[in-house]
Amino acid sequence: MGGVIQMKLADLSTGPDWVVYVGFIIFAVLSIVLISGHGSWLISGYNTASKEEKAKYNEKKLCRTMGIGMSVIAILLLIMGVFENILPAFFVYIALGIILADVVIIIVLGNTICRR
């Protein structure tokens, strides 16, 4: 009796493992900069807005919101890197769903609670 062979996340990987960890480090550093309330120049749209438009937003709250959203993606990358031999291949779809939901939540919060 043959069982069904379940593909793991590692089976989908064609590149070197260090790429995932570099991605994690980049997202983690950006998250730390943003959560600390700095790095508003990293936020697309906000960094090019006029002074009048920027005045409509609480800059610290906006940075923290973006930083927390980025940290969700960073943690997800770390989980996928560390557990690639355990996680099933369909976890890619779960991760994509989490990232899409995260981006929508960041956009909504950025345009609601981050306004003055």
N, C-alpha and C. Protein backbone atom coordinates (compact mmCIF):
# COMPACT_ATOMS: atom_id res chain seq x y z
N MET A 1 0.83 -1.18 0.00
CA MET A 1 0.00 0.00 0.00
C MET A 1 0.88 1.24 0.00
N GLY A 2 0.74 2.03 -1.03
CA GLY A 2 1.53 3.26 -1.13
C GLY A 2 0.76 4.43 -0.56
N GLY A 3 1.44 5.20 0.21
CA GLY A 3 0.83 6.39 0.79
C GLY A 3 1.03 7.58 -0.13
N VAL A 4 0.30 8.61 0.16
CA VAL A 4 0.43 9.84 -0.60
C VAL A 4 1.66 10.59 -0.08
N ILE A 5 2.52 10.96 -0.99
CA ILE A 5 3.71 11.70 -0.59
C ILE A 5 3.35 13.18 -0.54
N GLN A 6 3.55 13.76 0.62
CA GLN A 6 3.22 15.17 0.81
C GLN A 6 4.47 16.01 0.55
N MET A 7 4.34 16.95 -0.38
CA MET A 7 5.46 17.85 -0.67
C MET A 7 5.66 18.81 0.50
N LYS A 8 6.89 19.08 0.79
CA LYS A 8 7.24 20.04 1.83
C LYS A 8 7.61 21.37 1.17
N LEU A 9 7.63 22.41 1.98
CA LEU A 9 8.00 23.73 1.49
C LEU A 9 9.40 23.71 0.88
N ALA A 10 10.29 22.92 1.46
CA ALA A 10 11.67 22.82 0.96
C ALA A 10 11.71 22.26 -0.46
N ASP A 11 10.71 21.44 -0.83
CA ASP A 11 10.67 20.86 -2.18
C ASP A 11 10.43 21.92 -3.26
N LEU A 12 9.84 23.04 -2.88
CA LEU A 12 9.56 24.11 -3.84
C LEU A 12 10.75 25.05 -4.01
N SER A 13 11.66 25.02 -3.05
CA SER A 13 12.79 25.93 -3.05
C SER A 13 13.81 25.53 -4.11
N THR A 14 14.18 26.50 -4.95
CA THR A 14 15.18 26.22 -5.98
C THR A 14 16.45 27.03 -5.76
N GLY A 15 16.38 28.01 -4.88
CA GLY A 15 17.55 28.87 -4.64
C GLY A 15 18.21 28.54 -3.32
N PRO A 16 19.26 29.27 -3.01
CA PRO A 16 19.97 29.04 -1.74
C PRO A 16 19.11 29.48 -0.55
N ASP A 17 19.28 28.78 0.58
CA ASP A 17 18.49 29.06 1.78
C ASP A 17 18.78 30.44 2.36
N TRP A 18 19.99 30.95 2.18
CA TRP A 18 20.36 32.22 2.80
C TRP A 18 19.53 33.38 2.28
N VAL A 19 18.93 33.25 1.11
CA VAL A 19 18.13 34.33 0.54
C VAL A 19 16.94 34.65 1.46
N VAL A 20 16.31 33.62 2.00
CA VAL A 20 15.17 33.82 2.90
C VAL A 20 15.62 34.55 4.16
N TYR A 21 16.79 34.17 4.67
CA TYR A 21 17.28 34.79 5.89
C TYR A 21 17.70 36.24 5.66
N VAL A 22 18.25 36.54 4.50
CA VAL A 22 18.58 37.93 4.16
C VAL A 22 17.29 38.75 4.07
N GLY A 23 16.27 38.17 3.45
CA GLY A 23 14.96 38.85 3.38
C GLY A 23 14.41 39.11 4.78
N PHE A 24 14.55 38.12 5.66
CA PHE A 24 14.09 38.29 7.04
C PHE A 24 14.84 39.43 7.72
N ILE A 25 16.16 39.45 7.57
CA ILE A 25 16.98 40.48 8.21
C ILE A 25 16.59 41.87 7.70
N ILE A 26 16.38 42.00 6.40
CA ILE A 26 15.98 43.30 5.83
C ILE A 26 14.64 43.75 6.40
N PHE A 27 13.66 42.86 6.41
CA PHE A 27 12.34 43.21 6.95
C PHE A 27 12.41 43.49 8.45
N ALA A 28 13.23 42.73 9.17
CA ALA A 28 13.35 42.94 10.62
C ALA A 28 13.97 44.30 10.92
N VAL A 29 15.02 44.66 10.20
CA VAL A 29 15.67 45.96 10.42
C VAL A 29 14.70 47.10 10.08
N LEU A 30 14.02 46.98 8.96
CA LEU A 30 13.04 48.01 8.58
C LEU A 30 11.93 48.11 9.63
N SER A 31 11.49 46.96 10.15
CA SER A 31 10.45 46.95 11.18
C SER A 31 10.91 47.67 12.43
N ILE A 32 12.15 47.40 12.86
CA ILE A 32 12.69 48.04 14.06
C ILE A 32 12.78 49.55 13.87
N VAL A 33 13.27 49.97 12.72
CA VAL A 33 13.38 51.41 12.43
C VAL A 33 11.99 52.05 12.47
N LEU A 34 11.02 51.42 11.86
CA LEU A 34 9.67 51.99 11.82
C LEU A 34 8.97 51.93 13.18
N ILE A 35 9.10 50.82 13.89
CA ILE A 35 8.44 50.70 15.20
C ILE A 35 9.01 51.73 16.18
N SER A 36 10.28 52.06 16.03
CA SER A 36 10.89 53.06 16.91
C SER A 36 10.35 54.47 16.62
N GLY A 37 9.54 54.61 15.59
CA GLY A 37 8.94 55.90 15.27
C GLY A 37 9.74 56.71 14.27
N HIS A 38 10.81 56.14 13.78
CA HIS A 38 11.65 56.82 12.78
C HIS A 38 11.40 56.18 11.41
N GLY A 39 12.03 56.69 10.43
CA GLY A 39 11.95 56.07 9.11
C GLY A 39 10.71 56.40 8.32
N SER A 40 10.10 57.56 8.58
CA SER A 40 8.92 57.92 7.79
C SER A 40 9.29 58.07 6.32
N TRP A 41 10.57 58.30 6.03
CA TRP A 41 11.04 58.40 4.65
C TRP A 41 10.93 57.06 3.92
N LEU A 42 10.71 55.97 4.66
CA LEU A 42 10.54 54.65 4.05
C LEU A 42 9.11 54.41 3.57
N ILE A 43 8.19 55.24 4.02
CA ILE A 43 6.77 55.01 3.72
C ILE A 43 6.41 55.69 2.40
N SER A 44 6.14 54.88 1.40
CA SER A 44 5.81 55.40 0.08
C SER A 44 4.54 56.24 0.14
N GLY A 45 4.57 57.35 -0.49
CA GLY A 45 3.42 58.25 -0.48
C GLY A 45 3.56 59.29 0.61
N TYR A 46 3.91 58.86 1.81
CA TYR A 46 4.09 59.81 2.90
C TYR A 46 5.37 60.62 2.69
N ASN A 47 6.40 59.94 2.21
CA ASN A 47 7.68 60.64 2.03
C ASN A 47 7.64 61.68 0.90
N THR A 48 6.68 61.57 0.00
CA THR A 48 6.58 62.53 -1.11
C THR A 48 5.42 63.51 -0.92
N ALA A 49 4.69 63.37 0.18
CA ALA A 49 3.53 64.23 0.42
C ALA A 49 3.98 65.65 0.78
N SER A 50 3.08 66.59 0.54
CA SER A 50 3.36 67.98 0.91
C SER A 50 3.28 68.12 2.43
N LYS A 51 3.80 69.23 2.93
CA LYS A 51 3.76 69.47 4.38
C LYS A 51 2.31 69.51 4.88
N GLU A 52 1.41 70.06 4.07
CA GLU A 52 -0.01 70.13 4.46
C GLU A 52 -0.61 68.73 4.56
N GLU A 53 -0.26 67.87 3.62
CA GLU A 53 -0.77 66.49 3.62
C GLU A 53 -0.17 65.70 4.78
N LYS A 54 1.13 65.89 5.04
CA LYS A 54 1.79 65.19 6.15
C LYS A 54 1.20 65.62 7.49
N ALA A 55 0.75 66.85 7.58
CA ALA A 55 0.18 67.36 8.83
C ALA A 55 -1.12 66.65 9.20
N LYS A 56 -1.75 65.99 8.24
CA LYS A 56 -3.00 65.27 8.49
C LYS A 56 -2.77 63.94 9.19
N TYR A 57 -1.51 63.50 9.30
CA TYR A 57 -1.19 62.19 9.87
C TYR A 57 -0.34 62.32 11.12
N ASN A 58 -0.52 61.40 12.04
CA ASN A 58 0.35 61.27 13.21
C ASN A 58 1.54 60.43 12.74
N GLU A 59 2.68 61.06 12.55
CA GLU A 59 3.84 60.40 11.94
C GLU A 59 4.32 59.21 12.77
N LYS A 60 4.40 59.36 14.08
CA LYS A 60 4.87 58.26 14.94
C LYS A 60 3.93 57.06 14.85
N LYS A 61 2.63 57.33 14.91
CA LYS A 61 1.64 56.25 14.85
C LYS A 61 1.68 55.56 13.49
N LEU A 62 1.85 56.35 12.43
CA LEU A 62 1.94 55.79 11.08
C LEU A 62 3.17 54.90 10.96
N CYS A 63 4.31 55.37 11.48
CA CYS A 63 5.54 54.57 11.43
C CYS A 63 5.37 53.27 12.21
N ARG A 64 4.79 53.35 13.37
CA ARG A 64 4.60 52.14 14.19
C ARG A 64 3.65 51.15 13.51
N THR A 65 2.59 51.66 12.92
CA THR A 65 1.64 50.79 12.21
C THR A 65 2.34 50.06 11.06
N MET A 66 3.11 50.80 10.28
CA MET A 66 3.84 50.18 9.17
C MET A 66 4.88 49.20 9.69
N GLY A 67 5.56 49.55 10.79
CA GLY A 67 6.57 48.67 11.37
C GLY A 67 6.00 47.36 11.87
N ILE A 68 4.86 47.43 12.52
CA ILE A 68 4.22 46.21 13.01
C ILE A 68 3.78 45.34 11.83
N GLY A 69 3.24 45.97 10.81
CA GLY A 69 2.86 45.21 9.61
C GLY A 69 4.06 44.55 8.95
N MET A 70 5.19 45.26 8.89
CA MET A 70 6.41 44.68 8.32
C MET A 70 6.93 43.55 9.19
N SER A 71 6.77 43.67 10.51
CA SER A 71 7.27 42.62 11.40
C SER A 71 6.47 41.33 11.21
N VAL A 72 5.19 41.44 10.88
CA VAL A 72 4.40 40.24 10.59
C VAL A 72 5.01 39.50 9.39
N ILE A 73 5.38 40.24 8.37
CA ILE A 73 5.99 39.64 7.18
C ILE A 73 7.36 39.07 7.52
N ALA A 74 8.14 39.78 8.34
CA ALA A 74 9.46 39.30 8.74
C ALA A 74 9.35 37.98 9.51
N ILE A 75 8.43 37.92 10.45
CA ILE A 75 8.24 36.70 11.24
C ILE A 75 7.80 35.55 10.34
N LEU A 76 6.92 35.84 9.40
CA LEU A 76 6.46 34.82 8.46
C LEU A 76 7.62 34.27 7.62
N LEU A 77 8.51 35.16 7.16
CA LEU A 77 9.70 34.71 6.42
C LEU A 77 10.59 33.83 7.28
N LEU A 78 10.77 34.22 8.54
CA LEU A 78 11.60 33.43 9.44
C LEU A 78 11.00 32.04 9.66
N ILE A 79 9.71 31.99 9.89
CA ILE A 79 9.02 30.70 10.08
C ILE A 79 9.19 29.82 8.84
N MET A 80 9.02 30.42 7.67
CA MET A 80 9.14 29.64 6.44
C MET A 80 10.58 29.16 6.23
N GLY A 81 11.56 29.96 6.63
CA GLY A 81 12.95 29.55 6.48
C GLY A 81 13.35 28.45 7.46
N VAL A 82 12.95 28.62 8.70
CA VAL A 82 13.34 27.66 9.74
C VAL A 82 12.61 26.33 9.59
N PHE A 83 11.33 26.40 9.25
CA PHE A 83 10.52 25.18 9.21
C PHE A 83 10.23 24.68 7.79
N GLU A 84 11.10 25.01 6.82
CA GLU A 84 10.83 24.62 5.44
C GLU A 84 10.78 23.11 5.24
N ASN A 85 11.46 22.35 6.10
CA ASN A 85 11.44 20.89 5.98
C ASN A 85 10.25 20.26 6.69
N ILE A 86 9.50 21.06 7.43
CA ILE A 86 8.35 20.56 8.18
C ILE A 86 7.04 21.02 7.55
N LEU A 87 7.01 22.29 7.13
CA LEU A 87 5.78 22.86 6.59
C LEU A 87 5.41 22.25 5.24
N PRO A 88 4.12 21.99 5.05
CA PRO A 88 3.69 21.46 3.75
C PRO A 88 3.80 22.54 2.66
N ALA A 89 3.89 22.11 1.42
CA ALA A 89 4.06 23.03 0.30
C ALA A 89 2.91 24.04 0.19
N PHE A 90 1.70 23.63 0.57
CA PHE A 90 0.57 24.55 0.44
C PHE A 90 0.65 25.72 1.43
N PHE A 91 1.63 25.69 2.34
CA PHE A 91 1.81 26.81 3.26
C PHE A 91 2.12 28.11 2.51
N VAL A 92 2.62 27.97 1.29
CA VAL A 92 2.87 29.16 0.46
C VAL A 92 1.57 29.95 0.28
N TYR A 93 0.47 29.25 0.07
CA TYR A 93 -0.83 29.92 -0.11
C TYR A 93 -1.30 30.56 1.20
N ILE A 94 -1.04 29.88 2.31
CA ILE A 94 -1.40 30.45 3.61
C ILE A 94 -0.58 31.72 3.85
N ALA A 95 0.72 31.66 3.56
CA ALA A 95 1.59 32.81 3.74
C ALA A 95 1.13 33.97 2.84
N LEU A 96 0.79 33.67 1.62
CA LEU A 96 0.31 34.70 0.70
C LEU A 96 -0.97 35.36 1.24
N GLY A 97 -1.88 34.55 1.76
CA GLY A 97 -3.11 35.08 2.36
C GLY A 97 -2.82 35.97 3.55
N ILE A 98 -1.88 35.55 4.40
CA ILE A 98 -1.52 36.35 5.57
C ILE A 98 -0.91 37.68 5.13
N ILE A 99 -0.03 37.64 4.14
CA ILE A 99 0.61 38.87 3.65
C ILE A 99 -0.42 39.81 3.03
N LEU A 100 -1.33 39.28 2.23
CA LEU A 100 -2.37 40.13 1.63
C LEU A 100 -3.26 40.76 2.69
N ALA A 101 -3.67 39.96 3.69
CA ALA A 101 -4.50 40.49 4.78
C ALA A 101 -3.72 41.55 5.55
N ASP A 102 -2.44 41.30 5.78
CA ASP A 102 -1.58 42.25 6.49
C ASP A 102 -1.51 43.58 5.75
N VAL A 103 -1.32 43.53 4.45
CA VAL A 103 -1.23 44.75 3.64
C VAL A 103 -2.55 45.52 3.68
N VAL A 104 -3.66 44.82 3.56
CA VAL A 104 -4.97 45.48 3.62
C VAL A 104 -5.17 46.15 4.98
N ILE A 105 -4.81 45.44 6.05
CA ILE A 105 -4.95 45.99 7.41
C ILE A 105 -4.06 47.22 7.58
N ILE A 106 -2.83 47.15 7.08
CA ILE A 106 -1.91 48.30 7.17
C ILE A 106 -2.51 49.51 6.45
N ILE A 107 -3.04 49.30 5.26
CA ILE A 107 -3.63 50.40 4.48
C ILE A 107 -4.82 51.00 5.22
N VAL A 108 -5.70 50.14 5.74
CA VAL A 108 -6.89 50.63 6.45
C VAL A 108 -6.49 51.40 7.70
N LEU A 109 -5.59 50.82 8.51
CA LEU A 109 -5.17 51.49 9.73
C LEU A 109 -4.40 52.78 9.44
N GLY A 110 -3.59 52.75 8.39
CA GLY A 110 -2.84 53.95 8.02
C GLY A 110 -3.74 55.11 7.63
N ASN A 111 -4.91 54.78 7.09
CA ASN A 111 -5.84 55.83 6.65
C ASN A 111 -6.95 56.12 7.67
N THR A 112 -6.93 55.42 8.81
CA THR A 112 -7.96 55.68 9.83
C THR A 112 -7.32 56.11 11.14
N ILE A 113 -6.74 55.20 11.88
CA ILE A 113 -6.23 55.55 13.22
C ILE A 113 -4.97 56.42 13.18
N CYS A 114 -4.31 56.46 12.04
CA CYS A 114 -3.08 57.27 11.94
C CYS A 114 -3.36 58.71 11.53
N ARG A 115 -4.59 59.02 11.24
CA ARG A 115 -4.94 60.41 10.88
C ARG A 115 -5.13 61.20 12.16
N ARG A 116 -4.86 62.48 12.05
CA ARG A 116 -5.01 63.37 13.23
C ARG A 116 -6.46 63.77 13.39
